[in-house]
Amino acid sequence: MQEACSIPLTTLHADGGASANALLMQFQADLVQCPVLASTSTDVSALGAAYLAGLGVGVWSSTEALGALHRGEQRYTPSMADARRSALLAGWRDALARVLQE
């Protein structure tokens, strides 16, 4: 699935409600053939706003200081057989082609 992107994908970061679905995150890792790091917090957008506010009032001195903070992540690594992945992607492309024709 990475062929549509001109920049190689080495890690996919996921957050929000869907990131709590382990099956979906593993499926993503399998299809894009790279690790998925899923946030263990479904409220990561609110956390980002809090980080920005903290930067604004001096709780943190820089974005580098924020980068050093621990982030809870679950790592999913690709494990699907190539033949299965290819078959699923072929089905996806076929479904897309049919939808786009209408």
PDB file of N, CA and C in Angstrom:
ATOM      1  N   MET A   1       0.798  -1.197   0.000  1.00  0.00           N
ATOM      2  CA  MET A   1       0.000   0.000   0.000  1.00  0.00           C
ATOM      3  C   MET A   1       0.839   1.259   0.000  1.00  0.00           C
ATOM      4  N   GLN A   2       2.108   1.125   0.252  1.00  0.00           N
ATOM      5  CA  GLN A   2       2.965   2.293   0.307  1.00  0.00           C
ATOM      6  C   GLN A   2       3.271   2.866  -1.072  1.00  0.00           C
ATOM      7  N   GLU A   3       2.895   2.153  -2.133  1.00  0.00           N
ATOM      8  CA  GLU A   3       3.269   2.606  -3.477  1.00  0.00           C
ATOM      9  C   GLU A   3       2.647   3.948  -3.847  1.00  0.00           C
ATOM     10  N   ALA A   4       1.592   4.373  -3.177  1.00  0.00           N
ATOM     11  CA  ALA A   4       0.946   5.645  -3.484  1.00  0.00           C
ATOM     12  C   ALA A   4       1.693   6.827  -2.887  1.00  0.00           C
ATOM     13  N   CYS A   5       2.637   6.578  -2.035  1.00  0.00           N
ATOM     14  CA  CYS A   5       3.361   7.643  -1.338  1.00  0.00           C
ATOM     15  C   CYS A   5       4.784   7.708  -1.873  1.00  0.00           C
ATOM     16  N   SER A   6       5.252   8.910  -2.141  1.00  0.00           N
ATOM     17  CA  SER A   6       6.607   9.046  -2.672  1.00  0.00           C
ATOM     18  C   SER A   6       7.662   8.982  -1.568  1.00  0.00           C
ATOM     19  N   ILE A   7       7.250   9.065  -0.310  1.00  0.00           N
ATOM     20  CA  ILE A   7       8.169   8.976   0.818  1.00  0.00           C
ATOM     21  C   ILE A   7       7.971   7.615   1.483  1.00  0.00           C
ATOM     22  N   PRO A   8       9.034   6.835   1.632  1.00  0.00           N
ATOM     23  CA  PRO A   8       8.878   5.517   2.252  1.00  0.00           C
ATOM     24  C   PRO A   8       8.338   5.630   3.682  1.00  0.00           C
ATOM     25  N   LEU A   9       7.400   4.789   4.003  1.00  0.00           N
ATOM     26  CA  LEU A   9       6.806   4.773   5.330  1.00  0.00           C
ATOM     27  C   LEU A   9       7.590   3.791   6.195  1.00  0.00           C
ATOM     28  N   THR A  10       8.180   4.299   7.285  1.00  0.00           N
ATOM     29  CA  THR A  10       8.961   3.431   8.163  1.00  0.00           C
ATOM     30  C   THR A  10       8.220   3.104   9.450  1.00  0.00           C
ATOM     31  N   THR A  11       7.348   4.003   9.882  1.00  0.00           N
ATOM     32  CA  THR A  11       6.527   3.794  11.070  1.00  0.00           C
ATOM     33  C   THR A  11       5.233   4.561  10.890  1.00  0.00           C
ATOM     34  N   LEU A  12       4.134   3.945  11.252  1.00  0.00           N
ATOM     35  CA  LEU A  12       2.829   4.601  11.208  1.00  0.00           C
ATOM     36  C   LEU A  12       2.392   4.859  12.645  1.00  0.00           C
ATOM     37  N   HIS A  13       2.107   6.118  12.967  1.00  0.00           N
ATOM     38  CA  HIS A  13       1.636   6.488  14.301  1.00  0.00           C
ATOM     39  C   HIS A  13       0.122   6.607  14.255  1.00  0.00           C
ATOM     40  N   ALA A  14      -0.538   5.996  15.237  1.00  0.00           N
ATOM     41  CA  ALA A  14      -1.996   6.007  15.281  1.00  0.00           C
ATOM     42  C   ALA A  14      -2.454   6.521  16.636  1.00  0.00           C
ATOM     43  N   ASP A  15      -3.547   7.286  16.620  1.00  0.00           N
ATOM     44  CA  ASP A  15      -4.146   7.739  17.870  1.00  0.00           C
ATOM     45  C   ASP A  15      -5.639   7.872  17.682  1.00  0.00           C
ATOM     46  N   GLY A  16      -6.323   8.244  18.738  1.00  0.00           N
ATOM     47  CA  GLY A  16      -7.772   8.365  18.683  1.00  0.00           C
ATOM     48  C   GLY A  16      -8.441   7.046  19.038  1.00  0.00           C
ATOM     49  N   GLY A  17      -9.753   7.035  18.971  1.00  0.00           N
ATOM     50  CA  GLY A  17     -10.529   5.879  19.384  1.00  0.00           C
ATOM     51  C   GLY A  17     -10.168   4.596  18.672  1.00  0.00           C
ATOM     52  N   ALA A  18      -9.910   4.670  17.371  1.00  0.00           N
ATOM     53  CA  ALA A  18      -9.598   3.454  16.605  1.00  0.00           C
ATOM     54  C   ALA A  18      -8.290   2.811  17.054  1.00  0.00           C
ATOM     55  N   SER A  19      -7.392   3.594  17.642  1.00  0.00           N
ATOM     56  CA  SER A  19      -6.102   3.039  18.063  1.00  0.00           C
ATOM     57  C   SER A  19      -6.249   2.055  19.225  1.00  0.00           C
ATOM     58  N   ALA A  20      -7.407   2.031  19.867  1.00  0.00           N
ATOM     59  CA  ALA A  20      -7.658   1.070  20.948  1.00  0.00           C
ATOM     60  C   ALA A  20      -8.055  -0.298  20.408  1.00  0.00           C
ATOM     61  N   ASN A  21      -8.283  -0.404  19.108  1.00  0.00           N
ATOM     62  CA  ASN A  21      -8.692  -1.666  18.490  1.00  0.00           C
ATOM     63  C   ASN A  21      -7.448  -2.417  18.012  1.00  0.00           C
ATOM     64  N   ALA A  22      -7.020  -3.392  18.806  1.00  0.00           N
ATOM     65  CA  ALA A  22      -5.797  -4.131  18.497  1.00  0.00           C
ATOM     66  C   ALA A  22      -5.867  -4.843  17.147  1.00  0.00           C
ATOM     67  N   LEU A  23      -7.031  -5.386  16.807  1.00  0.00           N
ATOM     68  CA  LEU A  23      -7.182  -6.079  15.522  1.00  0.00           C
ATOM     69  C   LEU A  23      -6.966  -5.112  14.356  1.00  0.00           C
ATOM     70  N   LEU A  24      -7.552  -3.936  14.457  1.00  0.00           N
ATOM     71  CA  LEU A  24      -7.390  -2.937  13.406  1.00  0.00           C
ATOM     72  C   LEU A  24      -5.941  -2.473  13.289  1.00  0.00           C
ATOM     73  N   MET A  25      -5.280  -2.252  14.411  1.00  0.00           N
ATOM     74  CA  MET A  25      -3.891  -1.791  14.380  1.00  0.00           C
ATOM     75  C   MET A  25      -2.969  -2.857  13.788  1.00  0.00           C
ATOM     76  N   GLN A  26      -3.211  -4.127  14.129  1.00  0.00           N
ATOM     77  CA  GLN A  26      -2.403  -5.204  13.555  1.00  0.00           C
ATOM     78  C   GLN A  26      -2.652  -5.303  12.056  1.00  0.00           C
ATOM     79  N   PHE A  27      -3.902  -5.149  11.653  1.00  0.00           N
ATOM     80  CA  PHE A  27      -4.258  -5.191  10.235  1.00  0.00           C
ATOM     81  C   PHE A  27      -3.554  -4.066   9.471  1.00  0.00           C
ATOM     82  N   GLN A  28      -3.519  -2.881  10.075  1.00  0.00           N
ATOM     83  CA  GLN A  28      -2.811  -1.751   9.452  1.00  0.00           C
ATOM     84  C   GLN A  28      -1.333  -2.089   9.267  1.00  0.00           C
ATOM     85  N   ALA A  29      -0.708  -2.608  10.314  1.00  0.00           N
ATOM     86  CA  ALA A  29       0.710  -2.970  10.226  1.00  0.00           C
ATOM     87  C   ALA A  29       0.944  -3.992   9.122  1.00  0.00           C
ATOM     88  N   ASP A  30       0.056  -4.983   9.044  1.00  0.00           N
ATOM     89  CA  ASP A  30       0.195  -6.022   8.025  1.00  0.00           C
ATOM     90  C   ASP A  30       0.049  -5.455   6.617  1.00  0.00           C
ATOM     91  N   LEU A  31      -0.932  -4.576   6.416  1.00  0.00           N
ATOM     92  CA  LEU A  31      -1.169  -4.053   5.068  1.00  0.00           C
ATOM     93  C   LEU A  31      -0.107  -3.077   4.602  1.00  0.00           C
ATOM     94  N   VAL A  32       0.359  -2.200   5.494  1.00  0.00           N
ATOM     95  CA  VAL A  32       1.360  -1.220   5.067  1.00  0.00           C
ATOM     96  C   VAL A  32       2.780  -1.732   5.225  1.00  0.00           C
ATOM     97  N   GLN A  33       2.929  -2.915   5.816  1.00  0.00           N
ATOM     98  CA  GLN A  33       4.225  -3.578   5.988  1.00  0.00           C
ATOM     99  C   GLN A  33       5.248  -2.709   6.710  1.00  0.00           C
ATOM    100  N   CYS A  34       4.789  -2.086   7.781  1.00  0.00           N
ATOM    101  CA  CYS A  34       5.698  -1.361   8.654  1.00  0.00           C
ATOM    102  C   CYS A  34       5.076  -1.330  10.052  1.00  0.00           C
ATOM    103  N   PRO A  35       5.881  -1.081  11.068  1.00  0.00           N
ATOM    104  CA  PRO A  35       5.338  -1.046  12.422  1.00  0.00           C
ATOM    105  C   PRO A  35       4.301   0.061  12.599  1.00  0.00           C
ATOM    106  N   VAL A  36       3.315  -0.225  13.424  1.00  0.00           N
ATOM    107  CA  VAL A  36       2.324   0.774  13.831  1.00  0.00           C
ATOM    108  C   VAL A  36       2.531   1.020  15.318  1.00  0.00           C
ATOM    109  N   LEU A  37       2.689   2.286  15.689  1.00  0.00           N
ATOM    110  CA  LEU A  37       2.769   2.674  17.093  1.00  0.00           C
ATOM    111  C   LEU A  37       1.452   3.340  17.444  1.00  0.00           C
ATOM    112  N   ALA A  38       0.643   2.643  18.215  1.00  0.00           N
ATOM    113  CA  ALA A  38      -0.679   3.142  18.587  1.00  0.00           C
ATOM    114  C   ALA A  38      -0.623   3.741  19.983  1.00  0.00           C
ATOM    115  N   SER A  39      -1.113   4.944  20.105  1.00  0.00           N
ATOM    116  CA  SER A  39      -1.152   5.612  21.402  1.00  0.00           C
ATOM    117  C   SER A  39      -2.060   4.841  22.349  1.00  0.00           C
ATOM    118  N   THR A  40      -1.637   4.728  23.588  1.00  0.00           N
ATOM    119  CA  THR A  40      -2.483   4.078  24.579  1.00  0.00           C
ATOM    120  C   THR A  40      -3.490   5.065  25.163  1.00  0.00           C
ATOM    121  N   SER A  41      -3.390   6.323  24.754  1.00  0.00           N
ATOM    122  CA  SER A  41      -4.355   7.342  25.182  1.00  0.00           C
ATOM    123  C   SER A  41      -5.253   7.690  24.006  1.00  0.00           C
ATOM    124  N   THR A  42      -6.555   7.538  24.196  1.00  0.00           N
ATOM    125  CA  THR A  42      -7.481   7.911  23.120  1.00  0.00           C
ATOM    126  C   THR A  42      -7.739   9.415  23.124  1.00  0.00           C
ATOM    127  N   ASP A  43      -7.194  10.125  24.115  1.00  0.00           N
ATOM    128  CA  ASP A  43      -7.376  11.573  24.215  1.00  0.00           C
ATOM    129  C   ASP A  43      -6.103  12.323  23.864  1.00  0.00           C
ATOM    130  N   VAL A  44      -5.372  11.832  22.895  1.00  0.00           N
ATOM    131  CA  VAL A  44      -4.079  12.419  22.567  1.00  0.00           C
ATOM    132  C   VAL A  44      -4.216  13.837  21.993  1.00  0.00           C
ATOM    133  N   SER A  45      -5.339  14.157  21.370  1.00  0.00           N
ATOM    134  CA  SER A  45      -5.529  15.532  20.875  1.00  0.00           C
ATOM    135  C   SER A  45      -5.614  16.506  22.039  1.00  0.00           C
ATOM    136  N   ALA A  46      -6.338  16.133  23.083  1.00  0.00           N
ATOM    137  CA  ALA A  46      -6.415  16.983  24.281  1.00  0.00           C
ATOM    138  C   ALA A  46      -5.042  17.080  24.946  1.00  0.00           C
ATOM    139  N   LEU A  47      -4.306  15.997  24.934  1.00  0.00           N
ATOM    140  CA  LEU A  47      -2.967  16.007  25.504  1.00  0.00           C
ATOM    141  C   LEU A  47      -2.070  16.975  24.733  1.00  0.00           C
ATOM    142  N   GLY A  48      -2.192  16.980  23.425  1.00  0.00           N
ATOM    143  CA  GLY A  48      -1.418  17.915  22.602  1.00  0.00           C
ATOM    144  C   GLY A  48      -1.753  19.357  22.927  1.00  0.00           C
ATOM    145  N   ALA A  49      -3.031  19.641  23.122  1.00  0.00           N
ATOM    146  CA  ALA A  49      -3.438  20.996  23.506  1.00  0.00           C
ATOM    147  C   ALA A  49      -2.842  21.366  24.861  1.00  0.00           C
ATOM    148  N   ALA A  50      -2.831  20.425  25.793  1.00  0.00           N
ATOM    149  CA  ALA A  50      -2.247  20.684  27.109  1.00  0.00           C
ATOM    150  C   ALA A  50      -0.744  20.928  26.989  1.00  0.00           C
ATOM    151  N   TYR A  51      -0.072  20.175  26.134  1.00  0.00           N
ATOM    152  CA  TYR A  51       1.357  20.388  25.925  1.00  0.00           C
ATOM    153  C   TYR A  51       1.620  21.796  25.385  1.00  0.00           C
ATOM    154  N   LEU A  52       0.823  22.209  24.396  1.00  0.00           N
ATOM    155  CA  LEU A  52       1.001  23.553  23.839  1.00  0.00           C
ATOM    156  C   LEU A  52       0.748  24.629  24.886  1.00  0.00           C
ATOM    157  N   ALA A  53      -0.277  24.436  25.709  1.00  0.00           N
ATOM    158  CA  ALA A  53      -0.554  25.400  26.783  1.00  0.00           C
ATOM    159  C   ALA A  53       0.619  25.434  27.764  1.00  0.00           C
ATOM    160  N   GLY A  54       1.145  24.272  28.103  1.00  0.00           N
ATOM    161  CA  GLY A  54       2.298  24.208  29.000  1.00  0.00           C
ATOM    162  C   GLY A  54       3.514  24.896  28.436  1.00  0.00           C
ATOM    163  N   LEU A  55       3.725  24.759  27.146  1.00  0.00           N
ATOM    164  CA  LEU A  55       4.821  25.492  26.499  1.00  0.00           C
ATOM    165  C   LEU A  55       4.602  26.993  26.620  1.00  0.00           C
ATOM    166  N   GLY A  56       3.358  27.400  26.402  1.00  0.00           N
ATOM    167  CA  GLY A  56       3.028  28.828  26.443  1.00  0.00           C
ATOM    168  C   GLY A  56       3.250  29.473  27.794  1.00  0.00           C
ATOM    169  N   VAL A  57       3.033  28.737  28.867  1.00  0.00           N
ATOM    170  CA  VAL A  57       3.190  29.320  30.210  1.00  0.00           C
ATOM    171  C   VAL A  57       4.498  28.912  30.880  1.00  0.00           C
ATOM    172  N   GLY A  58       5.347  28.204  30.161  1.00  0.00           N
ATOM    173  CA  GLY A  58       6.676  27.895  30.676  1.00  0.00           C
ATOM    174  C   GLY A  58       6.815  26.616  31.477  1.00  0.00           C
ATOM    175  N   VAL A  59       5.805  25.746  31.462  1.00  0.00           N
ATOM    176  CA  VAL A  59       5.945  24.453  32.147  1.00  0.00           C
ATOM    177  C   VAL A  59       7.064  23.652  31.494  1.00  0.00           C
ATOM    178  N   TRP A  60       7.125  23.696  30.172  1.00  0.00           N
ATOM    179  CA  TRP A  60       8.215  23.084  29.419  1.00  0.00           C
ATOM    180  C   TRP A  60       8.938  24.181  28.663  1.00  0.00           C
ATOM    181  N   SER A  61      10.247  24.041  28.552  1.00  0.00           N
ATOM    182  CA  SER A  61      11.055  25.094  27.948  1.00  0.00           C
ATOM    183  C   SER A  61      11.136  25.012  26.431  1.00  0.00           C
ATOM    184  N   SER A  62      10.847  23.840  25.852  1.00  0.00           N
ATOM    185  CA  SER A  62      11.006  23.686  24.406  1.00  0.00           C
ATOM    186  C   SER A  62      10.231  22.471  23.912  1.00  0.00           C
ATOM    187  N   THR A  63      10.112  22.388  22.590  1.00  0.00           N
ATOM    188  CA  THR A  63       9.486  21.199  22.012  1.00  0.00           C
ATOM    189  C   THR A  63      10.366  19.971  22.227  1.00  0.00           C
ATOM    190  N   GLU A  64      11.679  20.182  22.366  1.00  0.00           N
ATOM    191  CA  GLU A  64      12.575  19.064  22.661  1.00  0.00           C
ATOM    192  C   GLU A  64      12.260  18.470  24.030  1.00  0.00           C
ATOM    193  N   ALA A  65      11.932  19.341  24.998  1.00  0.00           N
ATOM    194  CA  ALA A  65      11.559  18.860  26.334  1.00  0.00           C
ATOM    195  C   ALA A  65      10.276  18.035  26.254  1.00  0.00           C
ATOM    196  N   LEU A  66       9.352  18.467  25.418  1.00  0.00           N
ATOM    197  CA  LEU A  66       8.119  17.694  25.230  1.00  0.00           C
ATOM    198  C   LEU A  66       8.422  16.349  24.580  1.00  0.00           C
ATOM    199  N   GLY A  67       9.330  16.350  23.630  1.00  0.00           N
ATOM    200  CA  GLY A  67       9.698  15.116  22.940  1.00  0.00           C
ATOM    201  C   GLY A  67      10.300  14.075  23.863  1.00  0.00           C
ATOM    202  N   ALA A  68      10.880  14.527  24.962  1.00  0.00           N
ATOM    203  CA  ALA A  68      11.502  13.604  25.907  1.00  0.00           C
ATOM    204  C   ALA A  68      10.490  12.970  26.861  1.00  0.00           C
ATOM    205  N   LEU A  69       9.260  13.474  26.881  1.00  0.00           N
ATOM    206  CA  LEU A  69       8.238  12.919  27.771  1.00  0.00           C
ATOM    207  C   LEU A  69       7.843  11.522  27.322  1.00  0.00           C
ATOM    208  N   HIS A  70       7.546  10.678  28.301  1.00  0.00           N
ATOM    209  CA  HIS A  70       7.115   9.307  27.987  1.00  0.00           C
ATOM    210  C   HIS A  70       5.725   9.335  27.340  1.00  0.00           C
ATOM    211  N   ARG A  71       5.592   8.594  26.274  1.00  0.00           N
ATOM    212  CA  ARG A  71       4.294   8.431  25.619  1.00  0.00           C
ATOM    213  C   ARG A  71       3.959   6.945  25.642  1.00  0.00           C
ATOM    214  N   GLY A  72       2.776   6.645  26.112  1.00  0.00           N
ATOM    215  CA  GLY A  72       2.357   5.254  26.113  1.00  0.00           C
ATOM    216  C   GLY A  72       1.987   4.826  24.698  1.00  0.00           C
ATOM    217  N   GLU A  73       2.668   3.811  24.203  1.00  0.00           N
ATOM    218  CA  GLU A  73       2.389   3.311  22.855  1.00  0.00           C
ATOM    219  C   GLU A  73       2.402   1.786  22.854  1.00  0.00           C
ATOM    220  N   GLN A  74       1.554   1.247  22.022  1.00  0.00           N
ATOM    221  CA  GLN A  74       1.546  -0.195  21.764  1.00  0.00           C
ATOM    222  C   GLN A  74       2.118  -0.387  20.367  1.00  0.00           C
ATOM    223  N   ARG A  75       3.081  -1.280  20.237  1.00  0.00           N
ATOM    224  CA  ARG A  75       3.730  -1.508  18.939  1.00  0.00           C
ATOM    225  C   ARG A  75       3.131  -2.750  18.272  1.00  0.00           C
ATOM    226  N   TYR A  76       2.776  -2.603  17.014  1.00  0.00           N
ATOM    227  CA  TYR A  76       2.286  -3.713  16.190  1.00  0.00           C
ATOM    228  C   TYR A  76       3.250  -3.872  15.024  1.00  0.00           C
ATOM    229  N   THR A  77       3.722  -5.087  14.804  1.00  0.00           N
ATOM    230  CA  THR A  77       4.652  -5.335  13.707  1.00  0.00           C
ATOM    231  C   THR A  77       3.996  -6.239  12.667  1.00  0.00           C
ATOM    232  N   PRO A  78       4.350  -6.047  11.403  1.00  0.00           N
ATOM    233  CA  PRO A  78       3.748  -6.853  10.341  1.00  0.00           C
ATOM    234  C   PRO A  78       4.017  -8.344  10.561  1.00  0.00           C
ATOM    235  N   SER A  79       2.967  -9.158  10.360  1.00  0.00           N
ATOM    236  CA  SER A  79       3.149 -10.599  10.517  1.00  0.00           C
ATOM    237  C   SER A  79       2.350 -11.411   9.492  1.00  0.00           C
ATOM    238  N   MET A  80       1.610 -10.738   8.634  1.00  0.00           N
ATOM    239  CA  MET A  80       0.772 -11.432   7.659  1.00  0.00           C
ATOM    240  C   MET A  80       1.622 -11.983   6.508  1.00  0.00           C
ATOM    241  N   ALA A  81       1.277 -13.156   6.054  1.00  0.00           N
ATOM    242  CA  ALA A  81       1.968 -13.759   4.915  1.00  0.00           C
ATOM    243  C   ALA A  81       1.751 -12.899   3.664  1.00  0.00           C
ATOM    244  N   ASP A  82       2.780 -12.813   2.844  1.00  0.00           N
ATOM    245  CA  ASP A  82       2.711 -11.973   1.642  1.00  0.00           C
ATOM    246  C   ASP A  82       1.551 -12.354   0.721  1.00  0.00           C
ATOM    247  N   ALA A  83       1.293 -13.645   0.570  1.00  0.00           N
ATOM    248  CA  ALA A  83       0.208 -14.088  -0.326  1.00  0.00           C
ATOM    249  C   ALA A  83      -1.144 -13.592   0.186  1.00  0.00           C
ATOM    250  N   ARG A  84      -1.360 -13.666   1.490  1.00  0.00           N
ATOM    251  CA  ARG A  84      -2.624 -13.197   2.078  1.00  0.00           C
ATOM    252  C   ARG A  84      -2.750 -11.692   1.922  1.00  0.00           C
ATOM    253  N   ARG A  85      -1.670 -10.972   2.194  1.00  0.00           N
ATOM    254  CA  ARG A  85      -1.659  -9.515   2.049  1.00  0.00           C
ATOM    255  C   ARG A  85      -1.966  -9.117   0.609  1.00  0.00           C
ATOM    256  N   SER A  86      -1.331  -9.755  -0.340  1.00  0.00           N
ATOM    257  CA  SER A  86      -1.556  -9.447  -1.755  1.00  0.00           C
ATOM    258  C   SER A  86      -3.006  -9.697  -2.153  1.00  0.00           C
ATOM    259  N   ALA A  87      -3.581 -10.787  -1.677  1.00  0.00           N
ATOM    260  CA  ALA A  87      -4.981 -11.105  -1.997  1.00  0.00           C
ATOM    261  C   ALA A  87      -5.923 -10.052  -1.414  1.00  0.00           C
ATOM    262  N   LEU A  88      -5.682  -9.639  -0.174  1.00  0.00           N
ATOM    263  CA  LEU A  88      -6.526  -8.617   0.444  1.00  0.00           C
ATOM    264  C   LEU A  88      -6.413  -7.276  -0.285  1.00  0.00           C
ATOM    265  N   LEU A  89      -5.194  -6.904  -0.642  1.00  0.00           N
ATOM    266  CA  LEU A  89      -5.004  -5.642  -1.366  1.00  0.00           C
ATOM    267  C   LEU A  89      -5.638  -5.684  -2.749  1.00  0.00           C
ATOM    268  N   ALA A  90      -5.566  -6.832  -3.419  1.00  0.00           N
ATOM    269  CA  ALA A  90      -6.203  -6.975  -4.734  1.00  0.00           C
ATOM    270  C   ALA A  90      -7.718  -6.811  -4.596  1.00  0.00           C
ATOM    271  N   GLY A  91      -8.304  -7.398  -3.569  1.00  0.00           N
ATOM    272  CA  GLY A  91      -9.734  -7.241  -3.323  1.00  0.00           C
ATOM    273  C   GLY A  91     -10.102  -5.796  -3.031  1.00  0.00           C
ATOM    274  N   TRP A  92      -9.271  -5.113  -2.252  1.00  0.00           N
ATOM    275  CA  TRP A  92      -9.500  -3.696  -1.937  1.00  0.00           C
ATOM    276  C   TRP A  92      -9.443  -2.842  -3.205  1.00  0.00           C
ATOM    277  N   ARG A  93      -8.436  -3.075  -4.016  1.00  0.00           N
ATOM    278  CA  ARG A  93      -8.301  -2.303  -5.260  1.00  0.00           C
ATOM    279  C   ARG A  93      -9.479  -2.564  -6.201  1.00  0.00           C
ATOM    280  N   ASP A  94      -9.935  -3.809  -6.270  1.00  0.00           N
ATOM    281  CA  ASP A  94     -11.087  -4.157  -7.095  1.00  0.00           C
ATOM    282  C   ASP A  94     -12.334  -3.439  -6.594  1.00  0.00           C
ATOM    283  N   ALA A  95     -12.547  -3.439  -5.293  1.00  0.00           N
ATOM    284  CA  ALA A  95     -13.724  -2.757  -4.718  1.00  0.00           C
ATOM    285  C   ALA A  95     -13.653  -1.262  -4.996  1.00  0.00           C
ATOM    286  N   LEU A  96     -12.473  -0.668  -4.846  1.00  0.00           N
ATOM    287  CA  LEU A  96     -12.313   0.760  -5.131  1.00  0.00           C
ATOM    288  C   LEU A  96     -12.620   1.079  -6.595  1.00  0.00           C
ATOM    289  N   ALA A  97     -12.103   0.256  -7.486  1.00  0.00           N
ATOM    290  CA  ALA A  97     -12.330   0.481  -8.908  1.00  0.00           C
ATOM    291  C   ALA A  97     -13.816   0.437  -9.237  1.00  0.00           C
ATOM    292  N   ARG A  98     -14.533  -0.511  -8.647  1.00  0.00           N
ATOM    293  CA  ARG A  98     -15.976  -0.601  -8.892  1.00  0.00           C
ATOM    294  C   ARG A  98     -16.733   0.602  -8.342  1.00  0.00           C
ATOM    295  N   VAL A  99     -16.348   1.067  -7.177  1.00  0.00           N
ATOM    296  CA  VAL A  99     -17.021   2.219  -6.576  1.00  0.00           C
ATOM    297  C   VAL A  99     -16.736   3.493  -7.382  1.00  0.00           C
ATOM    298  N   LEU A 100     -15.504   3.638  -7.819  1.00  0.00           N
ATOM    299  CA  LEU A 100     -15.129   4.837  -8.554  1.00  0.00           C
ATOM    300  C   LEU A 100     -15.733   4.898  -9.961  1.00  0.00           C
ATOM    301  N   GLN A 101     -16.130   3.762 -10.504  1.00  0.00           N
ATOM    302  CA  GLN A 101     -16.748   3.737 -11.836  1.00  0.00           C
ATOM    303  C   GLN A 101     -18.171   4.270 -11.791  1.00  0.00           C
ATOM    304  N   GLU A 102     -18.822   4.139 -10.639  1.00  0.00           N
ATOM    305  CA  GLU A 102     -20.231   4.524 -10.551  1.00  0.00           C
ATOM    306  C   GLU A 102     -20.411   6.002 -10.368  1.00  0.00           C
TER     307      GLU A 102
END
